[in-house]
C-alpha atoms as a PDB file:
ATOM      1  CA  UNK A   1      11.419 -23.351   8.776  1.00  0.00           C
ATOM      2  CA  UNK A   2      11.155 -27.131   8.886  1.00  0.00           C
ATOM      3  CA  UNK A   3      14.657 -27.383  10.358  1.00  0.00           C
ATOM      4  CA  UNK A   4      13.798 -24.800  13.041  1.00  0.00           C
ATOM      5  CA  UNK A   5      10.679 -26.699  14.116  1.00  0.00           C
ATOM      6  CA  UNK A   6      12.468 -30.057  14.026  1.00  0.00           C
ATOM      7  CA  UNK A   7      15.352 -28.619  16.065  1.00  0.00           C
ATOM      8  CA  UNK A   8      12.940 -27.118  18.607  1.00  0.00           C
ATOM      9  CA  UNK A   9      11.262 -30.498  19.052  1.00  0.00           C
ATOM     10  CA  UNK A  10      14.592 -32.246  19.623  1.00  0.00           C
ATOM     11  CA  UNK A  11      16.146 -29.869  22.157  1.00  0.00           C
ATOM     12  CA  UNK A  12      15.429 -29.681  25.879  1.00  0.00           C
ATOM     13  CA  UNK A  13      17.129 -26.275  26.236  1.00  0.00           C
ATOM     14  CA  UNK A  14      14.298 -23.766  26.766  1.00  0.00           C
ATOM     15  CA  UNK A  15      16.287 -20.799  25.427  1.00  0.00           C
ATOM     16  CA  UNK A  16      17.281 -22.654  22.250  1.00  0.00           C
ATOM     17  CA  UNK A  17      13.730 -23.972  21.797  1.00  0.00           C
ATOM     18  CA  UNK A  18      12.285 -20.429  22.066  1.00  0.00           C
ATOM     19  CA  UNK A  19      14.833 -19.093  19.548  1.00  0.00           C
ATOM     20  CA  UNK A  20      14.089 -21.855  17.036  1.00  0.00           C
ATOM     21  CA  UNK A  21      10.302 -21.382  17.295  1.00  0.00           C
ATOM     22  CA  UNK A  22      10.727 -17.605  16.965  1.00  0.00           C
ATOM     23  CA  UNK A  23      12.842 -18.091  13.825  1.00  0.00           C
ATOM     24  CA  UNK A  24      10.181 -20.439  12.397  1.00  0.00           C
ATOM     25  CA  UNK A  25       7.416 -17.903  13.121  1.00  0.00           C
ATOM     26  CA  UNK A  26       9.367 -15.105  11.431  1.00  0.00           C
ATOM     27  CA  UNK A  27       9.922 -17.266   8.343  1.00  0.00           C
ATOM     28  CA  UNK A  28       6.222 -18.193   8.177  1.00  0.00           C
ATOM     29  CA  UNK A  29       5.162 -14.553   8.592  1.00  0.00           C
ATOM     30  CA  UNK A  30       7.601 -13.355   5.915  1.00  0.00           C
ATOM     31  CA  UNK A  31       6.777 -16.074   3.372  1.00  0.00           C
ATOM     32  CA  UNK A  32       3.015 -16.381   3.911  1.00  0.00           C
ATOM     33  CA  UNK A  33       0.836 -15.254   1.002  1.00  0.00           C
ATOM     34  CA  UNK A  34      -1.403 -12.335   1.923  1.00  0.00           C
ATOM     35  CA  UNK A  35      -4.555 -11.331   0.099  1.00  0.00           C
ATOM     36  CA  UNK A  36      -6.578  -8.444   1.520  1.00  0.00           C
ATOM     37  CA  UNK A  37     -10.236  -9.383   1.803  1.00  0.00           C
ATOM     38  CA  UNK A  38     -11.481  -5.844   2.286  1.00  0.00           C
ATOM     39  CA  UNK A  39     -10.271  -2.517   0.978  1.00  0.00           C
ATOM     40  CA  UNK A  40     -11.729   0.378   2.888  1.00  0.00           C
ATOM     41  CA  UNK A  41     -12.582   3.555   1.057  1.00  0.00           C
ATOM     42  CA  UNK A  42     -13.496   6.620   3.038  1.00  0.00           C
ATOM     43  CA  UNK A  43     -16.116   8.769   1.384  1.00  0.00           C
ATOM     44  CA  UNK A  44     -17.375  12.081   2.631  1.00  0.00           C
ATOM     45  CA  UNK A  45     -19.272  15.031   1.185  1.00  0.00           C
ATOM     46  CA  UNK A  46     -18.310  18.653   1.687  1.00  0.00           C
ATOM     47  CA  UNK A  47     -20.310  21.844   1.793  1.00  0.00           C
ATOM     48  CA  UNK A  48     -19.220  25.452   2.319  1.00  0.00           C
ATOM     49  CA  UNK A  49     -22.211  25.798   4.644  1.00  0.00           C
ATOM     50  CA  UNK A  50     -21.077  22.975   6.939  1.00  0.00           C
ATOM     51  CA  UNK A  51     -18.095  23.160   9.270  1.00  0.00           C
ATOM     52  CA  UNK A  52     -16.807  21.247  12.275  1.00  0.00           C
ATOM     53  CA  UNK A  53     -17.308  17.724  10.916  1.00  0.00           C
ATOM     54  CA  UNK A  54     -14.202  15.563  11.253  1.00  0.00           C
ATOM     55  CA  UNK A  55     -13.461  12.076   9.960  1.00  0.00           C
ATOM     56  CA  UNK A  56     -11.736  10.118  12.730  1.00  0.00           C
ATOM     57  CA  UNK A  57      -8.987   7.624  11.728  1.00  0.00           C
ATOM     58  CA  UNK A  58     -11.278   4.667  12.510  1.00  0.00           C
ATOM     59  CA  UNK A  59     -13.611   5.987   9.737  1.00  0.00           C
ATOM     60  CA  UNK A  60     -16.268   7.259  12.124  1.00  0.00           C
ATOM     61  CA  UNK A  61     -17.333  10.890  12.258  1.00  0.00           C
ATOM     62  CA  UNK A  62     -17.138  13.494  14.991  1.00  0.00           C
ATOM     63  CA  UNK A  63     -20.226  15.702  15.009  1.00  0.00           C
ATOM     64  CA  UNK A  64     -19.636  17.489  18.348  1.00  0.00           C
ATOM     65  CA  UNK A  65     -18.526  20.763  16.718  1.00  0.00           C
ATOM     66  CA  UNK A  66     -20.863  20.809  13.711  1.00  0.00           C
ATOM     67  CA  UNK A  67     -22.055  24.208  12.537  1.00  0.00           C
ATOM     68  CA  UNK A  68     -24.487  24.687   9.635  1.00  0.00           C
ATOM     69  CA  UNK A  69     -24.644  28.172   8.150  1.00  0.00           C
ATOM     70  CA  UNK A  70     -27.913  28.995   6.455  1.00  0.00           C
END
Protein backbone atom coordinates (compact mmCIF):
# COMPACT_ATOMS: atom_id res chain seq x y z
CA UNK A 1 0.00 0.00 0.00
CA UNK A 2 2.81 2.40 0.84
CA UNK A 3 4.46 1.73 -2.52
CA UNK A 4 1.16 2.39 -4.35
CA UNK A 5 0.67 5.74 -2.62
CA UNK A 6 4.31 6.74 -3.11
CA UNK A 7 4.12 5.77 -6.79
CA UNK A 8 0.89 7.73 -7.25
CA UNK A 9 2.52 10.82 -5.76
CA UNK A 10 5.53 10.54 -8.08
CA UNK A 11 3.73 10.00 -11.40
CA UNK A 12 2.10 12.64 -13.58
CA UNK A 13 0.22 10.04 -15.66
CA UNK A 14 -3.44 10.34 -14.60
CA UNK A 15 -4.32 6.76 -15.59
CA UNK A 16 -1.39 5.30 -13.65
CA UNK A 17 -2.12 7.56 -10.66
CA UNK A 18 -5.77 6.40 -10.57
CA UNK A 19 -4.71 2.73 -10.78
CA UNK A 20 -2.19 3.09 -7.95
CA UNK A 21 -4.67 4.88 -5.66
CA UNK A 22 -7.33 2.26 -6.46
CA UNK A 23 -4.88 -0.53 -5.57
CA UNK A 24 -4.04 1.25 -2.29
CA UNK A 25 -7.74 1.63 -1.43
CA UNK A 26 -8.40 -2.06 -2.11
CA UNK A 27 -5.48 -3.06 0.13
CA UNK A 28 -6.69 -0.78 2.94
CA UNK A 29 -10.26 -2.09 2.65
CA UNK A 30 -9.10 -5.73 2.65
CA UNK A 31 -6.64 -5.37 5.54
CA UNK A 32 -8.58 -2.96 7.78
CA UNK A 33 -9.78 -4.39 11.09
CA UNK A 34 -13.56 -4.37 11.39
CA UNK A 35 -15.51 -4.54 14.62
CA UNK A 36 -19.30 -4.29 14.42
CA UNK A 37 -20.60 -1.73 16.88
CA UNK A 38 -24.21 -2.86 16.69
CA UNK A 39 -25.80 -6.23 16.14
CA UNK A 40 -29.44 -5.96 15.21
CA UNK A 41 -31.87 -8.55 16.46
CA UNK A 42 -35.36 -8.60 15.08
CA UNK A 43 -37.98 -9.60 17.60
CA UNK A 44 -41.64 -10.09 16.92
CA UNK A 45 -44.56 -11.78 18.65
CA UNK A 46 -47.06 -14.04 16.94
CA UNK A 47 -50.68 -14.83 17.59
CA UNK A 48 -53.10 -17.13 15.77
CA UNK A 49 -55.67 -14.34 16.09
CA UNK A 50 -53.51 -11.80 14.25
CA UNK A 51 -52.74 -11.90 10.54
CA UNK A 52 -51.43 -9.51 7.91
CA UNK A 53 -48.51 -8.09 9.91
CA UNK A 54 -45.24 -8.17 7.98
CA UNK A 55 -41.70 -7.35 9.08
CA UNK A 56 -40.05 -5.30 6.34
CA UNK A 57 -36.30 -5.87 5.67
CA UNK A 58 -35.43 -2.50 7.25
CA UNK A 59 -36.91 -3.88 10.54
CA UNK A 60 -40.04 -1.75 10.40
CA UNK A 61 -43.52 -3.24 10.32
CA UNK A 62 -46.28 -3.10 7.74
CA UNK A 63 -49.69 -2.82 9.39
CA UNK A 64 -51.77 -2.01 6.27
CA UNK A 65 -53.28 -5.52 6.03
CA UNK A 66 -53.69 -6.30 9.73
CA UNK A 67 -56.66 -8.43 10.71
CA UNK A 68 -57.49 -9.35 14.32
CA UNK A 69 -59.89 -12.25 14.79
CA UNK A 70 -61.79 -12.18 18.04
